[in-house]
Amino acid sequence: MKRFYLFIAILVMMVLSACGTGNQKEEASATKEDAVWSGIEKRGKIIAGTSGTLVGASTYEEGTDKLTGYDVELMREIGKRLGLDVKFEIMGIDSMLPAIQSGRIDVAVNDIEITDKRKKQFAFSNPYKYSYTTMVVRKEDNSGINSLEDLEGKRAGGGATTIFSQIAEHFGAEVVTYGNAPNEAYLRDVHNGNTDVIVNDYYLSKFGVAAFPEFDITLHPDLKFHPTEQAVVMDKEATVLQTKINEALQEMREDGTLSELAIKFYQEDASKKPEGEIEEIEGLDL
């Protein structure tokens, strides 16, 4: 009988211990969720990573040190609606996601695509931009590219960790990587033959080509593939911040601010899904 009561006592202690561990985990998670937002509130500002090199999204007004663009002004408007200042940290795209993980920045806004793989490590806001992927090629012959399969053996300019470079590699291209270089460096290399193609977002590519009419480059006239959604990126546990950013974005969508900003910087409403058929790519681990 004593053994029976001893067994019951041990069992009760195990159950209580398990409950305590579960509660501690929940409290630790909640503490981290609150800590991200509490830290932002305490300092009165959101620290946002961006590149300053993407025409249309994040760039400097010509001849000035004023940072602007769709992503930049959208983030400033979010800050305004949350009663916060926004401080931008300029960095390369390859540094932004690690900077979120290290706590150097609170969010990244740089035309960053939502993917299943990234969602395992980071939290995303609701999309603020919808687009698809295309190519910048030489005007005279489309760089010898008539299909995605023709990327095999070509030299593609791009960032080391971008989705677009992964697509180029998927189809057999050699990716030539750059640091936080301006659009001109990428585009000039296609023009002079150092590279053959840039696989990139439609809107960013359109503005890049238009900005340098002296280059022998163009958007590929036929290829539209890999539809995309772009959003604000933040720490996986920053659910309070995520909720507040989503509320601000929803207000901006409902009152027309999102469309106004998109049209201002892209001359098209990039805040809405594009029309027409866009080819999906099978077999990409994104």
C-alpha atoms as a PDB file:
ATOM      1  CA  MET A   1       0.000   0.000   0.000  1.00  0.00           C
ATOM      2  CA  LYS A   2       2.854   2.383   0.849  1.00  0.00           C
ATOM      3  CA  ARG A   3       4.352   1.722  -2.554  1.00  0.00           C
ATOM      4  CA  PHE A   4       1.036   2.577  -4.184  1.00  0.00           C
ATOM      5  CA  TYR A   5       0.795   5.931  -2.381  1.00  0.00           C
ATOM      6  CA  LEU A   6       4.440   6.655  -3.204  1.00  0.00           C
ATOM      7  CA  PHE A   7       3.748   5.955  -6.878  1.00  0.00           C
ATOM      8  CA  ILE A   8       0.728   8.313  -6.839  1.00  0.00           C
ATOM      9  CA  ALA A   9       2.786  11.066  -5.175  1.00  0.00           C
ATOM     10  CA  ILE A  10       5.540  10.783  -7.783  1.00  0.00           C
ATOM     11  CA  LEU A  11       2.975  10.826 -10.605  1.00  0.00           C
ATOM     12  CA  VAL A  12       1.351  14.000  -9.236  1.00  0.00           C
ATOM     13  CA  MET A  13       4.745  15.676  -8.931  1.00  0.00           C
ATOM     14  CA  MET A  14       5.572  14.785 -12.561  1.00  0.00           C
ATOM     15  CA  VAL A  15       2.282  16.248 -13.783  1.00  0.00           C
ATOM     16  CA  LEU A  16       2.783  19.445 -11.798  1.00  0.00           C
ATOM     17  CA  SER A  17       6.362  19.711 -13.033  1.00  0.00           C
ATOM     18  CA  ALA A  18       5.242  19.304 -16.659  1.00  0.00           C
ATOM     19  CA  CYS A  19       2.582  21.948 -16.208  1.00  0.00           C
ATOM     20  CA  GLY A  20       5.135  24.267 -14.671  1.00  0.00           C
ATOM     21  CA  THR A  21       7.550  23.755 -17.571  1.00  0.00           C
ATOM     22  CA  GLY A  22       4.771  24.392 -20.071  1.00  0.00           C
ATOM     23  CA  ASN A  23       3.727  27.570 -18.285  1.00  0.00           C
ATOM     24  CA  GLN A  24       7.351  28.742 -18.147  1.00  0.00           C
ATOM     25  CA  LYS A  25       7.737  28.202 -21.892  1.00  0.00           C
ATOM     26  CA  GLU A  26       4.518  30.090 -22.574  1.00  0.00           C
ATOM     27  CA  GLU A  27       5.604  32.924 -20.282  1.00  0.00           C
ATOM     28  CA  ALA A  28       9.059  33.077 -21.906  1.00  0.00           C
ATOM     29  CA  SER A  29       7.486  33.214 -25.371  1.00  0.00           C
ATOM     30  CA  ALA A  30       5.003  35.896 -24.306  1.00  0.00           C
ATOM     31  CA  THR A  31       7.829  37.848 -22.666  1.00  0.00           C
ATOM     32  CA  LYS A  32       9.831  37.847 -25.899  1.00  0.00           C
ATOM     33  CA  GLU A  33       6.781  38.853 -27.938  1.00  0.00           C
ATOM     34  CA  ASP A  34       6.140  41.763 -25.596  1.00  0.00           C
ATOM     35  CA  ALA A  35       9.843  42.629 -25.315  1.00  0.00           C
ATOM     36  CA  VAL A  36      10.248  43.430 -29.031  1.00  0.00           C
ATOM     37  CA  TRP A  37       7.320  45.832 -29.023  1.00  0.00           C
ATOM     38  CA  SER A  38       8.157  47.204 -25.567  1.00  0.00           C
ATOM     39  CA  GLY A  39      11.685  47.990 -26.722  1.00  0.00           C
ATOM     40  CA  ILE A  40      10.370  49.870 -29.751  1.00  0.00           C
ATOM     41  CA  GLU A  41       7.866  51.806 -27.635  1.00  0.00           C
ATOM     42  CA  LYS A  42      10.526  52.691 -25.067  1.00  0.00           C
ATOM     43  CA  ARG A  43      12.909  54.171 -27.641  1.00  0.00           C
ATOM     44  CA  GLY A  44      10.052  55.736 -29.631  1.00  0.00           C
ATOM     45  CA  LYS A  45      11.271  54.500 -32.989  1.00  0.00           C
ATOM     46  CA  ILE A  46      11.383  51.511 -35.297  1.00  0.00           C
ATOM     47  CA  ILE A  47      14.785  50.645 -36.756  1.00  0.00           C
ATOM     48  CA  ALA A  48      14.298  49.477 -40.337  1.00  0.00           C
ATOM     49  CA  GLY A  49      16.891  47.910 -42.606  1.00  0.00           C
ATOM     50  CA  THR A  50      16.865  48.897 -46.285  1.00  0.00           C
ATOM     51  CA  SER A  51      19.388  49.141 -49.111  1.00  0.00           C
ATOM     52  CA  GLY A  52      18.946  52.608 -50.604  1.00  0.00           C
ATOM     53  CA  THR A  53      19.859  51.146 -53.999  1.00  0.00           C
ATOM     54  CA  LEU A  54      16.540  49.879 -55.425  1.00  0.00           C
ATOM     55  CA  VAL A  55      14.973  52.348 -57.852  1.00  0.00           C
ATOM     56  CA  GLY A  56      11.271  52.663 -57.008  1.00  0.00           C
ATOM     57  CA  ALA A  57      11.530  50.856 -53.675  1.00  0.00           C
ATOM     58  CA  SER A  58      14.437  52.267 -51.678  1.00  0.00           C
ATOM     59  CA  THR A  59      16.724  54.878 -53.204  1.00  0.00           C
ATOM     60  CA  TYR A  60      18.077  58.398 -52.817  1.00  0.00           C
ATOM     61  CA  GLU A  61      16.621  61.342 -54.681  1.00  0.00           C
ATOM     62  CA  GLU A  62      19.051  62.310 -57.419  1.00  0.00           C
ATOM     63  CA  GLY A  63      21.737  64.665 -56.177  1.00  0.00           C
ATOM     64  CA  THR A  64      20.562  64.532 -52.556  1.00  0.00           C
ATOM     65  CA  ASP A  65      20.933  62.416 -49.432  1.00  0.00           C
ATOM     66  CA  LYS A  66      17.149  62.076 -49.055  1.00  0.00           C
ATOM     67  CA  LEU A  67      16.093  58.434 -48.841  1.00  0.00           C
ATOM     68  CA  THR A  68      12.756  57.674 -50.497  1.00  0.00           C
ATOM     69  CA  GLY A  69      10.850  55.041 -52.462  1.00  0.00           C
ATOM     70  CA  TYR A  70       7.722  52.938 -52.050  1.00  0.00           C
ATOM     71  CA  ASP A  71       9.074  50.752 -49.244  1.00  0.00           C
ATOM     72  CA  VAL A  72      10.674  53.702 -47.457  1.00  0.00           C
ATOM     73  CA  GLU A  73       7.616  55.981 -47.536  1.00  0.00           C
ATOM     74  CA  LEU A  74       5.326  53.076 -46.685  1.00  0.00           C
ATOM     75  CA  MET A  75       7.418  52.362 -43.579  1.00  0.00           C
ATOM     76  CA  ARG A  76       7.413  56.026 -42.602  1.00  0.00           C
ATOM     77  CA  GLU A  77       3.615  56.059 -42.877  1.00  0.00           C
ATOM     78  CA  ILE A  78       3.349  52.931 -40.729  1.00  0.00           C
ATOM     79  CA  GLY A  79       5.535  54.612 -38.107  1.00  0.00           C
ATOM     80  CA  LYS A  80       3.381  57.736 -38.217  1.00  0.00           C
ATOM     81  CA  ARG A  81       0.213  55.729 -37.647  1.00  0.00           C
ATOM     82  CA  LEU A  82       1.826  53.900 -34.736  1.00  0.00           C
ATOM     83  CA  GLY A  83       3.097  57.150 -33.208  1.00  0.00           C
ATOM     84  CA  LEU A  84       6.736  56.216 -33.822  1.00  0.00           C
ATOM     85  CA  ASP A  85       9.725  57.619 -35.683  1.00  0.00           C
ATOM     86  CA  VAL A  86      11.471  55.376 -38.206  1.00  0.00           C
ATOM     87  CA  LYS A  87      15.263  55.179 -38.395  1.00  0.00           C
ATOM     88  CA  PHE A  88      16.669  53.535 -41.522  1.00  0.00           C
ATOM     89  CA  GLU A  89      19.842  51.466 -41.427  1.00  0.00           C
ATOM     90  CA  ILE A  90      21.430  51.161 -44.871  1.00  0.00           C
ATOM     91  CA  MET A  91      22.764  47.688 -45.607  1.00  0.00           C
ATOM     92  CA  GLY A  92      22.998  45.085 -48.348  1.00  0.00           C
ATOM     93  CA  ILE A  93      20.106  42.703 -48.878  1.00  0.00           C
ATOM     94  CA  ASP A  94      22.288  39.766 -47.767  1.00  0.00           C
ATOM     95  CA  SER A  95      22.754  41.431 -44.350  1.00  0.00           C
ATOM     96  CA  MET A  96      19.137  42.314 -43.564  1.00  0.00           C
ATOM     97  CA  LEU A  97      17.720  39.016 -42.363  1.00  0.00           C
ATOM     98  CA  PRO A  98      20.754  38.247 -40.159  1.00  0.00           C
ATOM     99  CA  ALA A  99      20.423  41.798 -38.754  1.00  0.00           C
ATOM    100  CA  ILE A 100      16.857  40.993 -37.662  1.00  0.00           C
ATOM    101  CA  GLN A 101      18.037  37.816 -35.941  1.00  0.00           C
ATOM    102  CA  SER A 102      20.832  39.650 -34.118  1.00  0.00           C
ATOM    103  CA  GLY A 103      18.498  42.444 -32.984  1.00  0.00           C
ATOM    104  CA  ARG A 104      20.394  45.158 -34.868  1.00  0.00           C
ATOM    105  CA  ILE A 105      17.184  46.129 -36.679  1.00  0.00           C
ATOM    106  CA  ASP A 106      13.493  45.616 -35.902  1.00  0.00           C
ATOM    107  CA  VAL A 107      12.225  45.170 -39.458  1.00  0.00           C
ATOM    108  CA  ALA A 108      13.486  44.959 -43.035  1.00  0.00           C
ATOM    109  CA  VAL A 109      11.733  46.756 -45.913  1.00  0.00           C
ATOM    110  CA  ASN A 110      13.473  46.181 -49.213  1.00  0.00           C
ATOM    111  CA  ASP A 111      11.077  44.515 -51.653  1.00  0.00           C
ATOM    112  CA  ILE A 112      11.551  41.248 -49.748  1.00  0.00           C
ATOM    113  CA  GLU A 113       9.501  38.321 -50.982  1.00  0.00           C
ATOM    114  CA  ILE A 114       7.439  36.099 -48.706  1.00  0.00           C
ATOM    115  CA  THR A 115       8.524  32.454 -49.089  1.00  0.00           C
ATOM    116  CA  ASP A 116       7.733  29.260 -47.195  1.00  0.00           C
ATOM    117  CA  LYS A 117      11.367  28.824 -46.163  1.00  0.00           C
ATOM    118  CA  ARG A 118      11.651  32.374 -44.820  1.00  0.00           C
ATOM    119  CA  LYS A 119       8.360  32.025 -42.929  1.00  0.00           C
ATOM    120  CA  LYS A 120       9.960  29.271 -40.840  1.00  0.00           C
ATOM    121  CA  GLN A 121      12.496  31.777 -39.493  1.00  0.00           C
ATOM    122  CA  PHE A 122      10.761  35.168 -39.676  1.00  0.00           C
ATOM    123  CA  ALA A 123       7.395  36.841 -39.282  1.00  0.00           C
ATOM    124  CA  PHE A 124       5.941  38.779 -42.220  1.00  0.00           C
ATOM    125  CA  SER A 125       3.331  41.485 -42.414  1.00  0.00           C
ATOM    126  CA  ASN A 126       0.453  41.165 -44.832  1.00  0.00           C
ATOM    127  CA  PRO A 127       1.668  41.843 -48.400  1.00  0.00           C
ATOM    128  CA  TYR A 128       1.970  45.482 -49.469  1.00  0.00           C
ATOM    129  CA  LYS A 129       3.150  44.712 -53.003  1.00  0.00           C
ATOM    130  CA  TYR A 130       2.241  42.093 -55.591  1.00  0.00           C
ATOM    131  CA  SER A 131       4.424  41.464 -58.594  1.00  0.00           C
ATOM    132  CA  TYR A 132       6.096  38.850 -60.755  1.00  0.00           C
ATOM    133  CA  THR A 133       9.550  38.088 -62.097  1.00  0.00           C
ATOM    134  CA  THR A 134      11.053  38.999 -65.454  1.00  0.00           C
ATOM    135  CA  MET A 135      14.489  39.568 -67.002  1.00  0.00           C
ATOM    136  CA  VAL A 136      16.633  42.461 -68.146  1.00  0.00           C
ATOM    137  CA  VAL A 137      18.421  41.436 -71.349  1.00  0.00           C
ATOM    138  CA  ARG A 138      20.333  43.042 -74.210  1.00  0.00           C
ATOM    139  CA  LYS A 139      17.974  44.765 -76.592  1.00  0.00           C
ATOM    140  CA  GLU A 140      19.555  43.557 -79.819  1.00  0.00           C
ATOM    141  CA  ASP A 141      18.956  39.824 -79.272  1.00  0.00           C
ATOM    142  CA  ASN A 142      17.342  39.344 -75.828  1.00  0.00           C
ATOM    143  CA  SER A 143      20.767  37.988 -74.804  1.00  0.00           C
ATOM    144  CA  GLY A 144      19.905  34.788 -76.674  1.00  0.00           C
ATOM    145  CA  ILE A 145      17.160  33.975 -74.165  1.00  0.00           C
ATOM    146  CA  ASN A 146      13.748  32.918 -75.411  1.00  0.00           C
ATOM    147  CA  SER A 147      12.701  30.711 -72.501  1.00  0.00           C
ATOM    148  CA  LEU A 148      13.671  30.036 -68.911  1.00  0.00           C
ATOM    149  CA  GLU A 149      15.612  26.994 -70.072  1.00  0.00           C
ATOM    150  CA  ASP A 150      17.858  29.302 -72.136  1.00  0.00           C
ATOM    151  CA  LEU A 151      19.333  30.628 -68.882  1.00  0.00           C
ATOM    152  CA  GLU A 152      21.601  27.585 -68.853  1.00  0.00           C
ATOM    153  CA  GLY A 153      25.201  28.688 -69.310  1.00  0.00           C
ATOM    154  CA  LYS A 154      24.365  32.407 -69.116  1.00  0.00           C
ATOM    155  CA  ARG A 155      25.918  34.852 -66.619  1.00  0.00           C
ATOM    156  CA  ALA A 156      23.254  36.390 -64.384  1.00  0.00           C
ATOM    157  CA  GLY A 157      23.926  39.434 -62.199  1.00  0.00           C
ATOM    158  CA  GLY A 158      22.368  39.281 -58.744  1.00  0.00           C
ATOM    159  CA  GLY A 159      22.644  39.204 -54.963  1.00  0.00           C
ATOM    160  CA  ALA A 160      24.081  36.073 -53.377  1.00  0.00           C
ATOM    161  CA  THR A 161      20.990  35.108 -51.349  1.00  0.00           C
ATOM    162  CA  THR A 162      18.099  36.508 -53.379  1.00  0.00           C
ATOM    163  CA  ILE A 163      15.223  34.455 -54.723  1.00  0.00           C
ATOM    164  CA  PHE A 164      16.043  35.752 -58.196  1.00  0.00           C
ATOM    165  CA  SER A 165      19.572  34.351 -58.056  1.00  0.00           C
ATOM    166  CA  GLN A 166      18.137  31.031 -56.915  1.00  0.00           C
ATOM    167  CA  ILE A 167      15.844  31.009 -59.952  1.00  0.00           C
ATOM    168  CA  ALA A 168      18.775  31.767 -62.276  1.00  0.00           C
ATOM    169  CA  GLU A 169      20.823  28.964 -60.713  1.00  0.00           C
ATOM    170  CA  HIS A 170      17.844  26.605 -60.886  1.00  0.00           C
ATOM    171  CA  PHE A 171      17.912  26.939 -64.668  1.00  0.00           C
ATOM    172  CA  GLY A 172      21.678  26.567 -64.951  1.00  0.00           C
ATOM    173  CA  ALA A 173      22.941  30.158 -65.008  1.00  0.00           C
ATOM    174  CA  GLU A 174      26.193  31.261 -63.380  1.00  0.00           C
ATOM    175  CA  VAL A 175      25.329  33.957 -60.834  1.00  0.00           C
ATOM    176  CA  VAL A 176      27.688  36.929 -60.685  1.00  0.00           C
ATOM    177  CA  THR A 177      27.201  38.462 -57.236  1.00  0.00           C
ATOM    178  CA  TYR A 178      27.487  42.085 -56.117  1.00  0.00           C
ATOM    179  CA  GLY A 179      27.583  43.816 -52.757  1.00  0.00           C
ATOM    180  CA  ASN A 180      25.191  46.661 -52.002  1.00  0.00           C
ATOM    181  CA  ALA A 181      25.822  48.033 -55.506  1.00  0.00           C
ATOM    182  CA  PRO A 182      23.527  50.527 -57.274  1.00  0.00           C
ATOM    183  CA  ASN A 183      21.282  49.427 -60.131  1.00  0.00           C
ATOM    184  CA  GLU A 184      23.654  51.028 -62.624  1.00  0.00           C
ATOM    185  CA  ALA A 185      26.390  48.470 -61.886  1.00  0.00           C
ATOM    186  CA  TYR A 186      24.088  45.519 -62.619  1.00  0.00           C
ATOM    187  CA  LEU A 187      22.565  47.074 -65.714  1.00  0.00           C
ATOM    188  CA  ARG A 188      25.852  48.310 -67.181  1.00  0.00           C
ATOM    189  CA  ASP A 189      27.293  44.803 -67.007  1.00  0.00           C
ATOM    190  CA  VAL A 190      24.430  43.437 -69.129  1.00  0.00           C
ATOM    191  CA  HIS A 191      24.916  46.329 -71.558  1.00  0.00           C
ATOM    192  CA  ASN A 192      28.666  45.749 -71.969  1.00  0.00           C
ATOM    193  CA  GLY A 193      28.474  41.949 -71.986  1.00  0.00           C
ATOM    194  CA  ASN A 194      30.105  41.217 -68.629  1.00  0.00           C
ATOM    195  CA  THR A 195      26.827  39.472 -67.793  1.00  0.00           C
ATOM    196  CA  ASP A 196      23.921  38.351 -69.966  1.00  0.00           C
ATOM    197  CA  VAL A 197      20.830  38.842 -67.831  1.00  0.00           C
ATOM    198  CA  ILE A 198      19.326  40.108 -64.595  1.00  0.00           C
ATOM    199  CA  VAL A 199      16.454  38.041 -63.204  1.00  0.00           C
ATOM    200  CA  ASN A 200      14.454  40.408 -61.032  1.00  0.00           C
ATOM    201  CA  ASP A 201      11.132  41.934 -60.023  1.00  0.00           C
ATOM    202  CA  TYR A 202       9.074  43.433 -62.854  1.00  0.00           C
ATOM    203  CA  TYR A 203       8.640  46.875 -61.293  1.00  0.00           C
ATOM    204  CA  LEU A 204      12.248  47.252 -60.198  1.00  0.00           C
ATOM    205  CA  SER A 205      13.485  46.062 -63.589  1.00  0.00           C
ATOM    206  CA  LYS A 206      11.162  48.417 -65.454  1.00  0.00           C
ATOM    207  CA  PHE A 207      12.451  51.445 -63.592  1.00  0.00           C
ATOM    208  CA  GLY A 208      16.049  50.332 -63.815  1.00  0.00           C
ATOM    209  CA  VAL A 209      15.874  50.060 -67.596  1.00  0.00           C
ATOM    210  CA  ALA A 210      14.079  53.400 -67.919  1.00  0.00           C
ATOM    211  CA  ALA A 211      16.711  55.122 -65.776  1.00  0.00           C
ATOM    212  CA  PHE A 212      19.510  54.306 -68.244  1.00  0.00           C
ATOM    213  CA  PRO A 213      18.216  54.834 -71.808  1.00  0.00           C
ATOM    214  CA  GLU A 214      21.789  54.930 -73.098  1.00  0.00           C
ATOM    215  CA  PHE A 215      22.268  51.243 -72.294  1.00  0.00           C
ATOM    216  CA  ASP A 216      21.412  48.553 -74.867  1.00  0.00           C
ATOM    217  CA  ILE A 217      19.034  46.763 -72.492  1.00  0.00           C
ATOM    218  CA  THR A 218      15.326  46.026 -72.282  1.00  0.00           C
ATOM    219  CA  LEU A 219      12.750  44.038 -70.338  1.00  0.00           C
ATOM    220  CA  HIS A 220      12.238  40.644 -71.916  1.00  0.00           C
ATOM    221  CA  PRO A 221       9.117  41.076 -74.088  1.00  0.00           C
ATOM    222  CA  ASP A 222       7.658  37.607 -73.503  1.00  0.00           C
ATOM    223  CA  LEU A 223       8.710  36.104 -70.172  1.00  0.00           C
ATOM    224  CA  LYS A 224       6.522  36.605 -67.073  1.00  0.00           C
ATOM    225  CA  PHE A 225       7.019  34.058 -64.302  1.00  0.00           C
ATOM    226  CA  HIS A 226       7.119  33.373 -60.561  1.00  0.00           C
ATOM    227  CA  PRO A 227       4.387  35.628 -59.063  1.00  0.00           C
ATOM    228  CA  THR A 228       5.519  37.278 -55.832  1.00  0.00           C
ATOM    229  CA  GLU A 229       4.266  39.011 -52.690  1.00  0.00           C
ATOM    230  CA  GLN A 230       6.428  41.482 -50.764  1.00  0.00           C
ATOM    231  CA  ALA A 231       6.063  42.391 -47.081  1.00  0.00           C
ATOM    232  CA  VAL A 232       7.692  43.831 -43.970  1.00  0.00           C
ATOM    233  CA  VAL A 233       9.968  41.241 -42.322  1.00  0.00           C
ATOM    234  CA  MET A 234      10.531  40.971 -38.554  1.00  0.00           C
ATOM    235  CA  ASP A 235      11.557  38.560 -35.800  1.00  0.00           C
ATOM    236  CA  LYS A 236       9.551  35.323 -35.688  1.00  0.00           C
ATOM    237  CA  GLU A 237       8.411  36.063 -32.118  1.00  0.00           C
ATOM    238  CA  ALA A 238       7.465  39.705 -32.752  1.00  0.00           C
ATOM    239  CA  THR A 239       3.742  38.964 -32.969  1.00  0.00           C
ATOM    240  CA  VAL A 240       2.670  42.175 -31.219  1.00  0.00           C
ATOM    241  CA  LEU A 241       4.677  44.261 -33.701  1.00  0.00           C
ATOM    242  CA  GLN A 242       3.326  42.144 -36.573  1.00  0.00           C
ATOM    243  CA  THR A 243      -0.268  42.779 -35.474  1.00  0.00           C
ATOM    244  CA  LYS A 244       0.252  46.526 -35.174  1.00  0.00           C
ATOM    245  CA  ILE A 245       1.958  46.787 -38.583  1.00  0.00           C
ATOM    246  CA  ASN A 246      -0.850  44.770 -40.173  1.00  0.00           C
ATOM    247  CA  GLU A 247      -3.458  47.074 -38.629  1.00  0.00           C
ATOM    248  CA  ALA A 248      -1.654  50.111 -40.051  1.00  0.00           C
ATOM    249  CA  LEU A 249      -1.353  48.485 -43.483  1.00  0.00           C
ATOM    250  CA  GLN A 250      -5.053  47.612 -43.498  1.00  0.00           C
ATOM    251  CA  GLU A 251      -5.941  51.231 -42.710  1.00  0.00           C
ATOM    252  CA  MET A 252      -3.666  52.369 -45.541  1.00  0.00           C
ATOM    253  CA  ARG A 253      -5.279  49.926 -47.941  1.00  0.00           C
ATOM    254  CA  GLU A 254      -8.800  50.994 -46.973  1.00  0.00           C
ATOM    255  CA  ASP A 255      -8.160  54.752 -47.157  1.00  0.00           C
ATOM    256  CA  GLY A 256      -6.254  54.522 -50.453  1.00  0.00           C
ATOM    257  CA  THR A 257      -2.825  55.500 -49.110  1.00  0.00           C
ATOM    258  CA  LEU A 258      -1.263  52.214 -50.208  1.00  0.00           C
ATOM    259  CA  SER A 259      -2.464  52.635 -53.795  1.00  0.00           C
ATOM    260  CA  GLU A 260      -1.379  56.283 -53.882  1.00  0.00           C
ATOM    261  CA  LEU A 261       2.156  55.421 -52.794  1.00  0.00           C
ATOM    262  CA  ALA A 262       2.397  52.520 -55.244  1.00  0.00           C
ATOM    263  CA  ILE A 263       1.257  54.634 -58.184  1.00  0.00           C
ATOM    264  CA  LYS A 264       3.554  57.486 -57.149  1.00  0.00           C
ATOM    265  CA  PHE A 265       6.656  55.314 -57.250  1.00  0.00           C
ATOM    266  CA  TYR A 266       5.741  52.686 -59.861  1.00  0.00           C
ATOM    267  CA  GLN A 267       3.198  54.474 -62.087  1.00  0.00           C
ATOM    268  CA  GLU A 268       1.079  51.343 -61.574  1.00  0.00           C
ATOM    269  CA  ASP A 269      -0.840  50.114 -58.548  1.00  0.00           C
ATOM    270  CA  ALA A 270       1.633  47.534 -57.267  1.00  0.00           C
ATOM    271  CA  SER A 271      -0.462  47.136 -54.104  1.00  0.00           C
ATOM    272  CA  LYS A 272      -2.886  44.972 -56.124  1.00  0.00           C
ATOM    273  CA  LYS A 273      -2.294  41.630 -57.822  1.00  0.00           C
ATOM    274  CA  PRO A 274      -1.229  41.959 -61.492  1.00  0.00           C
ATOM    275  CA  GLU A 275      -3.539  40.772 -64.239  1.00  0.00           C
ATOM    276  CA  GLY A 276      -2.699  38.219 -66.910  1.00  0.00           C
ATOM    277  CA  GLU A 277      -1.118  34.774 -66.949  1.00  0.00           C
ATOM    278  CA  ILE A 278       2.116  34.375 -65.000  1.00  0.00           C
ATOM    279  CA  GLU A 279       4.088  31.135 -65.239  1.00  0.00           C
ATOM    280  CA  GLU A 280       4.694  29.187 -62.034  1.00  0.00           C
ATOM    281  CA  ILE A 281       8.097  27.511 -61.622  1.00  0.00           C
ATOM    282  CA  GLU A 282       8.086  23.941 -60.371  1.00  0.00           C
ATOM    283  CA  GLY A 283      10.779  22.454 -58.192  1.00  0.00           C
ATOM    284  CA  LEU A 284      12.036  25.607 -56.478  1.00  0.00           C
ATOM    285  CA  ASP A 285      12.824  25.172 -52.770  1.00  0.00           C
ATOM    286  CA  LEU A 286      11.904  28.683 -51.587  1.00  0.00           C
END
